Amino acid sequence: MPDALNLLERCLELSPGFHEARRAYAIILQRGERIAEAQVEVDRLLALNPADPGLRDAESLHLRRLRRRQATIPIYKDILARYPRQPKAWMSLGHSLKTVGRAAEGSPPTAAH
């Protein structure tokens, strides 16, 4: 992990616009429990592509780790409005809603027959 962080930091020094390196850097920071630093990197990427579902999911992961479940709900709802067939996002939304006492809101819409 330390080697990966060092290499990615150097990569971003040389090429700050290398977005995939920044995404990898954010993941390594997150895995190392450096949540605030990881969120800074995710925020930089979200500024360029605010609808990216992977980045939005990373953002919600950071909020969950900071015990800010209420703040994850609009993120999951936005992801699901764009990509409704995402079981992981439905599960995460349901878990967040349950945690804040709003479990009934977590049911997906029923399909019309």
N, C-alpha and C. Protein backbone atom coordinates (compact mmCIF):
# COMPACT_ATOMS: atom_id res chain seq x y z
N MET A 1 0.80 -1.20 0.00
CA MET A 1 0.00 0.00 0.00
C MET A 1 0.85 1.27 0.00
N PRO A 2 1.86 1.35 0.84
CA PRO A 2 2.68 2.57 0.82
C PRO A 2 3.34 2.81 -0.53
N ASP A 3 3.81 1.74 -1.17
CA ASP A 3 4.43 1.90 -2.48
C ASP A 3 3.41 2.41 -3.51
N ALA A 4 2.22 1.87 -3.48
CA ALA A 4 1.18 2.30 -4.41
C ALA A 4 0.85 3.77 -4.18
N LEU A 5 0.73 4.17 -2.92
CA LEU A 5 0.45 5.58 -2.63
C LEU A 5 1.55 6.48 -3.15
N ASN A 6 2.80 6.10 -2.91
CA ASN A 6 3.93 6.91 -3.37
C ASN A 6 3.95 7.03 -4.89
N LEU A 7 3.74 5.91 -5.57
CA LEU A 7 3.75 5.93 -7.03
C LEU A 7 2.60 6.77 -7.59
N LEU A 8 1.42 6.62 -7.01
CA LEU A 8 0.28 7.40 -7.49
C LEU A 8 0.44 8.89 -7.17
N GLU A 9 0.99 9.21 -6.02
CA GLU A 9 1.25 10.62 -5.70
C GLU A 9 2.22 11.23 -6.70
N ARG A 10 3.27 10.50 -7.03
CA ARG A 10 4.25 10.98 -8.00
C ARG A 10 3.61 11.12 -9.38
N CYS A 11 2.81 10.15 -9.74
CA CYS A 11 2.11 10.19 -11.02
C CYS A 11 1.24 11.45 -11.12
N LEU A 12 0.52 11.76 -10.03
CA LEU A 12 -0.36 12.93 -10.04
C LEU A 12 0.41 14.24 -9.99
N GLU A 13 1.61 14.21 -9.42
CA GLU A 13 2.48 15.39 -9.47
C GLU A 13 2.87 15.69 -10.92
N LEU A 14 3.23 14.63 -11.63
CA LEU A 14 3.67 14.77 -13.02
C LEU A 14 2.52 15.03 -13.98
N SER A 15 1.37 14.43 -13.68
CA SER A 15 0.23 14.54 -14.58
C SER A 15 -1.07 14.68 -13.78
N PRO A 16 -1.35 15.88 -13.26
CA PRO A 16 -2.54 16.06 -12.43
C PRO A 16 -3.86 15.78 -13.15
N GLY A 17 -3.85 15.79 -14.45
CA GLY A 17 -5.07 15.51 -15.22
C GLY A 17 -5.30 14.05 -15.53
N PHE A 18 -4.46 13.17 -15.00
CA PHE A 18 -4.60 11.73 -15.23
C PHE A 18 -5.67 11.20 -14.26
N HIS A 19 -6.92 11.27 -14.71
CA HIS A 19 -8.06 11.00 -13.84
C HIS A 19 -8.14 9.57 -13.34
N GLU A 20 -7.73 8.62 -14.15
CA GLU A 20 -7.77 7.23 -13.68
C GLU A 20 -6.75 7.01 -12.55
N ALA A 21 -5.62 7.69 -12.61
CA ALA A 21 -4.65 7.60 -11.51
C ALA A 21 -5.24 8.24 -10.25
N ARG A 22 -5.96 9.34 -10.41
CA ARG A 22 -6.59 9.99 -9.25
C ARG A 22 -7.65 9.08 -8.65
N ARG A 23 -8.41 8.39 -9.51
CA ARG A 23 -9.42 7.45 -9.01
C ARG A 23 -8.74 6.31 -8.23
N ALA A 24 -7.66 5.77 -8.78
CA ALA A 24 -6.92 4.71 -8.09
C ALA A 24 -6.35 5.22 -6.77
N TYR A 25 -5.85 6.44 -6.77
CA TYR A 25 -5.30 7.05 -5.56
C TYR A 25 -6.38 7.17 -4.49
N ALA A 26 -7.57 7.60 -4.88
CA ALA A 26 -8.69 7.71 -3.93
C ALA A 26 -9.04 6.34 -3.35
N ILE A 27 -9.02 5.31 -4.17
CA ILE A 27 -9.34 3.96 -3.69
C ILE A 27 -8.29 3.50 -2.67
N ILE A 28 -7.02 3.73 -2.98
CA ILE A 28 -5.96 3.31 -2.05
C ILE A 28 -6.06 4.09 -0.74
N LEU A 29 -6.34 5.38 -0.83
CA LEU A 29 -6.53 6.18 0.39
C LEU A 29 -7.69 5.64 1.22
N GLN A 30 -8.79 5.33 0.54
CA GLN A 30 -9.97 4.80 1.23
C GLN A 30 -9.66 3.48 1.91
N ARG A 31 -8.96 2.61 1.22
CA ARG A 31 -8.61 1.30 1.81
C ARG A 31 -7.68 1.44 3.01
N GLY A 32 -6.92 2.50 3.00
CA GLY A 32 -6.03 2.78 4.13
C GLY A 32 -6.70 3.58 5.24
N GLU A 33 -8.03 3.71 5.16
CA GLU A 33 -8.82 4.42 6.15
C GLU A 33 -8.48 5.92 6.22
N ARG A 34 -7.99 6.46 5.14
CA ARG A 34 -7.72 7.90 5.05
C ARG A 34 -8.88 8.54 4.30
N ILE A 35 -10.04 8.48 4.95
CA ILE A 35 -11.32 8.82 4.32
C ILE A 35 -11.38 10.28 3.88
N ALA A 36 -10.98 11.19 4.74
CA ALA A 36 -11.06 12.61 4.39
C ALA A 36 -10.20 12.92 3.16
N GLU A 37 -9.01 12.33 3.09
CA GLU A 37 -8.13 12.55 1.94
C GLU A 37 -8.72 11.92 0.68
N ALA A 38 -9.30 10.73 0.84
CA ALA A 38 -9.93 10.06 -0.30
C ALA A 38 -11.09 10.90 -0.83
N GLN A 39 -11.85 11.50 0.08
CA GLN A 39 -13.00 12.29 -0.36
C GLN A 39 -12.55 13.53 -1.13
N VAL A 40 -11.42 14.11 -0.77
CA VAL A 40 -10.90 15.26 -1.52
C VAL A 40 -10.67 14.86 -2.97
N GLU A 41 -10.09 13.69 -3.18
CA GLU A 41 -9.81 13.21 -4.54
C GLU A 41 -11.11 12.90 -5.28
N VAL A 42 -12.05 12.27 -4.59
CA VAL A 42 -13.35 11.97 -5.21
C VAL A 42 -14.06 13.27 -5.58
N ASP A 43 -14.00 14.27 -4.70
CA ASP A 43 -14.63 15.56 -5.00
C ASP A 43 -14.01 16.20 -6.25
N ARG A 44 -12.71 16.08 -6.40
CA ARG A 44 -12.05 16.63 -7.61
C ARG A 44 -12.60 15.96 -8.86
N LEU A 45 -12.75 14.65 -8.79
CA LEU A 45 -13.26 13.92 -9.95
C LEU A 45 -14.75 14.19 -10.18
N LEU A 46 -15.51 14.31 -9.10
CA LEU A 46 -16.94 14.61 -9.24
C LEU A 46 -17.17 15.99 -9.84
N ALA A 47 -16.26 16.91 -9.61
CA ALA A 47 -16.38 18.24 -10.21
C ALA A 47 -16.32 18.15 -11.73
N LEU A 48 -15.62 17.15 -12.24
CA LEU A 48 -15.51 16.95 -13.68
C LEU A 48 -16.65 16.11 -14.24
N ASN A 49 -17.16 15.19 -13.43
CA ASN A 49 -18.20 14.27 -13.89
C ASN A 49 -19.15 13.97 -12.73
N PRO A 50 -20.06 14.89 -12.43
CA PRO A 50 -20.91 14.74 -11.25
C PRO A 50 -21.89 13.57 -11.30
N ALA A 51 -22.14 13.01 -12.46
CA ALA A 51 -23.10 11.90 -12.56
C ALA A 51 -22.44 10.53 -12.54
N ASP A 52 -21.13 10.45 -12.44
CA ASP A 52 -20.43 9.17 -12.47
C ASP A 52 -20.89 8.29 -11.30
N PRO A 53 -21.58 7.17 -11.60
CA PRO A 53 -22.12 6.35 -10.51
C PRO A 53 -21.05 5.75 -9.61
N GLY A 54 -19.90 5.42 -10.16
CA GLY A 54 -18.82 4.86 -9.34
C GLY A 54 -18.29 5.88 -8.34
N LEU A 55 -18.16 7.11 -8.80
CA LEU A 55 -17.69 8.17 -7.91
C LEU A 55 -18.74 8.51 -6.87
N ARG A 56 -20.01 8.52 -7.29
CA ARG A 56 -21.08 8.79 -6.33
C ARG A 56 -21.13 7.69 -5.27
N ASP A 57 -20.90 6.44 -5.70
CA ASP A 57 -20.87 5.33 -4.74
C ASP A 57 -19.69 5.50 -3.78
N ALA A 58 -18.54 5.91 -4.29
CA ALA A 58 -17.37 6.14 -3.42
C ALA A 58 -17.68 7.25 -2.41
N GLU A 59 -18.35 8.29 -2.89
CA GLU A 59 -18.74 9.39 -2.00
C GLU A 59 -19.64 8.88 -0.88
N SER A 60 -20.61 8.04 -1.23
CA SER A 60 -21.52 7.51 -0.21
C SER A 60 -20.79 6.58 0.75
N LEU A 61 -19.83 5.82 0.24
CA LEU A 61 -19.02 4.96 1.12
C LEU A 61 -18.30 5.80 2.16
N HIS A 62 -17.73 6.90 1.74
CA HIS A 62 -17.03 7.77 2.68
C HIS A 62 -18.00 8.34 3.71
N LEU A 63 -19.17 8.73 3.28
CA LEU A 63 -20.17 9.25 4.22
C LEU A 63 -20.61 8.17 5.21
N ARG A 64 -20.77 6.94 4.73
CA ARG A 64 -21.13 5.84 5.64
C ARG A 64 -20.05 5.63 6.68
N ARG A 65 -18.80 5.65 6.24
CA ARG A 65 -17.70 5.46 7.18
C ARG A 65 -17.61 6.58 8.21
N LEU A 66 -18.09 7.77 7.83
CA LEU A 66 -18.11 8.90 8.75
C LEU A 66 -19.41 8.94 9.55
N ARG A 67 -20.22 7.86 9.40
CA ARG A 67 -21.49 7.72 10.10
C ARG A 67 -22.49 8.83 9.75
N ARG A 68 -22.51 9.19 8.49
CA ARG A 68 -23.43 10.22 7.99
C ARG A 68 -24.41 9.58 7.01
N ARG A 69 -25.15 8.57 7.51
CA ARG A 69 -26.08 7.79 6.67
C ARG A 69 -27.13 8.66 6.00
N GLN A 70 -27.67 9.63 6.72
CA GLN A 70 -28.72 10.48 6.14
C GLN A 70 -28.24 11.13 4.85
N ALA A 71 -26.96 11.52 4.81
CA ALA A 71 -26.41 12.20 3.63
C ALA A 71 -26.24 11.25 2.44
N THR A 72 -26.24 9.94 2.68
CA THR A 72 -26.08 8.99 1.57
C THR A 72 -27.38 8.78 0.80
N ILE A 73 -28.50 9.04 1.43
CA ILE A 73 -29.80 8.74 0.82
C ILE A 73 -30.01 9.47 -0.51
N PRO A 74 -29.80 10.80 -0.58
CA PRO A 74 -29.99 11.45 -1.88
C PRO A 74 -29.01 10.97 -2.95
N ILE A 75 -27.84 10.55 -2.54
CA ILE A 75 -26.86 10.03 -3.50
C ILE A 75 -27.38 8.75 -4.12
N TYR A 76 -27.84 7.80 -3.28
CA TYR A 76 -28.37 6.55 -3.81
C TYR A 76 -29.61 6.78 -4.65
N LYS A 77 -30.47 7.70 -4.22
CA LYS A 77 -31.68 7.97 -5.00
C LYS A 77 -31.32 8.53 -6.37
N ASP A 78 -30.30 9.36 -6.43
CA ASP A 78 -29.86 9.91 -7.72
C ASP A 78 -29.29 8.81 -8.60
N ILE A 79 -28.44 7.96 -8.03
CA ILE A 79 -27.88 6.84 -8.80
C ILE A 79 -29.01 5.97 -9.35
N LEU A 80 -29.98 5.65 -8.51
CA LEU A 80 -31.07 4.77 -8.93
C LEU A 80 -32.03 5.44 -9.92
N ALA A 81 -32.15 6.75 -9.87
CA ALA A 81 -32.97 7.44 -10.87
C ALA A 81 -32.34 7.29 -12.26
N ARG A 82 -31.02 7.26 -12.30
CA ARG A 82 -30.31 7.13 -13.57
C ARG A 82 -30.12 5.67 -13.99
N TYR A 83 -29.89 4.80 -13.00
CA TYR A 83 -29.59 3.39 -13.25
C TYR A 83 -30.44 2.54 -12.31
N PRO A 84 -31.72 2.36 -12.60
CA PRO A 84 -32.61 1.67 -11.65
C PRO A 84 -32.34 0.18 -11.45
N ARG A 85 -31.60 -0.43 -12.32
CA ARG A 85 -31.35 -1.88 -12.20
C ARG A 85 -30.01 -2.16 -11.53
N GLN A 86 -29.75 -1.48 -10.45
CA GLN A 86 -28.50 -1.65 -9.70
C GLN A 86 -28.81 -2.24 -8.33
N PRO A 87 -28.77 -3.57 -8.19
CA PRO A 87 -29.13 -4.19 -6.92
C PRO A 87 -28.27 -3.70 -5.74
N LYS A 88 -27.00 -3.47 -5.99
CA LYS A 88 -26.13 -3.00 -4.90
C LYS A 88 -26.59 -1.63 -4.40
N ALA A 89 -26.96 -0.76 -5.32
CA ALA A 89 -27.43 0.57 -4.92
C ALA A 89 -28.76 0.48 -4.17
N TRP A 90 -29.66 -0.43 -4.60
CA TRP A 90 -30.91 -0.62 -3.88
C TRP A 90 -30.64 -1.12 -2.47
N MET A 91 -29.73 -2.07 -2.34
CA MET A 91 -29.40 -2.60 -1.01
C MET A 91 -28.80 -1.52 -0.13
N SER A 92 -27.90 -0.73 -0.69
CA SER A 92 -27.27 0.34 0.08
C SER A 92 -28.29 1.39 0.50
N LEU A 93 -29.18 1.75 -0.42
CA LEU A 93 -30.24 2.71 -0.08
C LEU A 93 -31.11 2.14 1.03
N GLY A 94 -31.52 0.90 0.88
CA GLY A 94 -32.36 0.27 1.91
C GLY A 94 -31.67 0.24 3.26
N HIS A 95 -30.39 -0.08 3.27
CA HIS A 95 -29.65 -0.12 4.53
C HIS A 95 -29.58 1.27 5.16
N SER A 96 -29.30 2.28 4.33
CA SER A 96 -29.23 3.65 4.85
C SER A 96 -30.59 4.09 5.39
N LEU A 97 -31.65 3.79 4.65
CA LEU A 97 -32.99 4.17 5.11
C LEU A 97 -33.34 3.45 6.41
N LYS A 98 -33.01 2.17 6.50
CA LYS A 98 -33.28 1.41 7.72
C LYS A 98 -32.53 2.02 8.90
N THR A 99 -31.26 2.39 8.66
CA THR A 99 -30.43 2.92 9.73
C THR A 99 -30.98 4.23 10.30
N VAL A 100 -31.59 5.04 9.43
CA VAL A 100 -32.13 6.32 9.90
C VAL A 100 -33.63 6.22 10.23
N GLY A 101 -34.18 5.00 10.27
CA GLY A 101 -35.57 4.81 10.67
C GLY A 101 -36.60 5.03 9.58
N ARG A 102 -36.19 4.88 8.30
CA ARG A 102 -37.10 5.10 7.17
C ARG A 102 -37.15 3.87 6.26
N ALA A 103 -37.17 2.67 6.85
CA ALA A 103 -37.06 1.43 6.09
C ALA A 103 -38.13 1.26 5.02
N ALA A 104 -39.34 1.71 5.26
CA ALA A 104 -40.44 1.51 4.31
C ALA A 104 -40.18 2.20 2.97
N GLU A 105 -39.34 3.21 2.96
CA GLU A 105 -39.04 3.93 1.71
C GLU A 105 -38.07 3.15 0.82
N GLY A 106 -37.51 2.06 1.30
CA GLY A 106 -36.47 1.35 0.56
C GLY A 106 -36.95 0.32 -0.44
N SER A 107 -38.23 0.15 -0.60
CA SER A 107 -38.74 -0.85 -1.53
C SER A 107 -38.66 -0.31 -2.96
N PRO A 108 -38.15 -1.12 -3.90
CA PRO A 108 -38.12 -0.68 -5.30
C PRO A 108 -39.54 -0.64 -5.85
N PRO A 109 -39.76 0.17 -6.88
CA PRO A 109 -41.10 0.21 -7.48
C PRO A 109 -41.46 -1.14 -8.09
N THR A 110 -42.72 -1.48 -8.07
CA THR A 110 -43.15 -2.74 -8.67
C THR A 110 -43.33 -2.56 -10.15
N ALA A 111 -43.05 -3.61 -10.89
CA ALA A 111 -43.19 -3.57 -12.34
C ALA A 111 -44.66 -3.71 -12.73
N ALA A 112 -45.07 -2.96 -13.72
CA ALA A 112 -46.43 -3.06 -14.24
C ALA A 112 -46.55 -4.30 -15.12
N HIS A 113 -47.62 -5.00 -15.00
CA HIS A 113 -47.82 -6.21 -15.81
C HIS A 113 -48.79 -5.95 -16.90
